């Protein structure tokens, strides 16, 4: 159960980093 939660948390962090970096690049291009 704990490993499962850690796995979900890891995916969430990686996904969040991906979105944030993409948003930053998008904003740099737009503005």
N, C-alpha and C. Protein backbone atom coordinates (compact mmCIF):
# COMPACT_ATOMS: atom_id res chain seq x y z
N UNK A 1 0.84 -1.20 0.00
CA UNK A 1 0.00 0.00 0.00
C UNK A 1 0.88 1.25 0.00
N UNK A 2 1.87 1.27 0.88
CA UNK A 2 2.76 2.44 0.94
C UNK A 2 3.55 2.59 -0.36
N UNK A 3 4.00 1.48 -0.90
CA UNK A 3 4.74 1.53 -2.17
C UNK A 3 3.83 2.05 -3.27
N UNK A 4 2.58 1.66 -3.23
CA UNK A 4 1.62 2.12 -4.23
C UNK A 4 1.45 3.64 -4.15
N UNK A 5 1.34 4.15 -2.93
CA UNK A 5 1.20 5.61 -2.75
C UNK A 5 2.47 6.34 -3.20
N UNK A 6 3.62 5.77 -2.89
CA UNK A 6 4.87 6.39 -3.32
C UNK A 6 4.95 6.42 -4.85
N UNK A 7 4.49 5.36 -5.47
CA UNK A 7 4.51 5.28 -6.93
C UNK A 7 3.61 6.35 -7.53
N UNK A 8 2.43 6.53 -6.96
CA UNK A 8 1.51 7.56 -7.45
C UNK A 8 2.11 8.95 -7.23
N UNK A 9 2.73 9.15 -6.06
CA UNK A 9 3.33 10.44 -5.76
C UNK A 9 4.45 10.75 -6.75
N UNK A 10 5.25 9.76 -7.06
CA UNK A 10 6.36 9.94 -8.00
C UNK A 10 5.82 10.34 -9.37
N UNK A 11 4.80 9.66 -9.84
CA UNK A 11 4.20 9.99 -11.13
C UNK A 11 3.63 11.41 -11.09
N UNK A 12 2.99 11.75 -9.99
CA UNK A 12 2.41 13.09 -9.86
C UNK A 12 3.49 14.17 -9.93
N UNK A 13 4.59 13.96 -9.23
CA UNK A 13 5.68 14.95 -9.23
C UNK A 13 6.28 15.09 -10.63
N UNK A 14 6.53 13.96 -11.28
CA UNK A 14 7.11 14.01 -12.63
C UNK A 14 6.16 14.71 -13.59
N UNK A 15 4.89 14.38 -13.49
CA UNK A 15 3.88 14.99 -14.36
C UNK A 15 3.79 16.49 -14.11
N UNK A 16 3.83 16.86 -12.83
CA UNK A 16 3.76 18.27 -12.46
C UNK A 16 4.96 19.03 -13.01
N UNK A 17 6.15 18.46 -12.89
CA UNK A 17 7.36 19.10 -13.40
C UNK A 17 7.26 19.27 -14.92
N UNK A 18 6.73 18.27 -15.57
CA UNK A 18 6.59 18.32 -17.02
C UNK A 18 5.65 19.46 -17.42
N UNK A 19 4.53 19.57 -16.76
CA UNK A 19 3.56 20.62 -17.06
C UNK A 19 4.15 21.99 -16.77
N UNK A 20 4.81 22.13 -15.63
CA UNK A 20 5.38 23.42 -15.26
C UNK A 20 6.44 23.87 -16.27
N UNK A 21 7.31 22.97 -16.67
CA UNK A 21 8.34 23.33 -17.64
C UNK A 21 7.72 23.70 -18.98
N UNK A 22 6.68 22.95 -19.37
CA UNK A 22 6.01 23.25 -20.64
C UNK A 22 5.31 24.61 -20.56
N UNK A 23 4.69 24.89 -19.43
CA UNK A 23 4.01 26.18 -19.26
C UNK A 23 5.02 27.31 -19.29
N UNK A 24 6.16 27.13 -18.65
CA UNK A 24 7.20 28.16 -18.64
C UNK A 24 7.69 28.43 -20.06
N UNK A 25 7.93 27.38 -20.82
CA UNK A 25 8.38 27.55 -22.20
C UNK A 25 7.29 28.24 -23.01
N UNK A 26 6.06 27.85 -22.78
CA UNK A 26 4.93 28.45 -23.50
C UNK A 26 4.82 29.93 -23.19
N UNK A 27 4.95 30.28 -21.92
CA UNK A 27 4.86 31.70 -21.53
C UNK A 27 6.03 32.49 -22.10
N UNK A 28 7.21 31.91 -22.13
CA UNK A 28 8.37 32.60 -22.70
C UNK A 28 8.15 32.88 -24.18
N UNK A 29 7.55 31.93 -24.85
CA UNK A 29 7.29 32.11 -26.28
C UNK A 29 6.19 33.15 -26.49
N UNK A 30 5.14 33.08 -25.69
CA UNK A 30 4.02 34.00 -25.84
C UNK A 30 4.42 35.42 -25.47
N UNK A 31 5.12 35.56 -24.34
CA UNK A 31 5.48 36.89 -23.87
C UNK A 31 6.96 37.09 -24.02
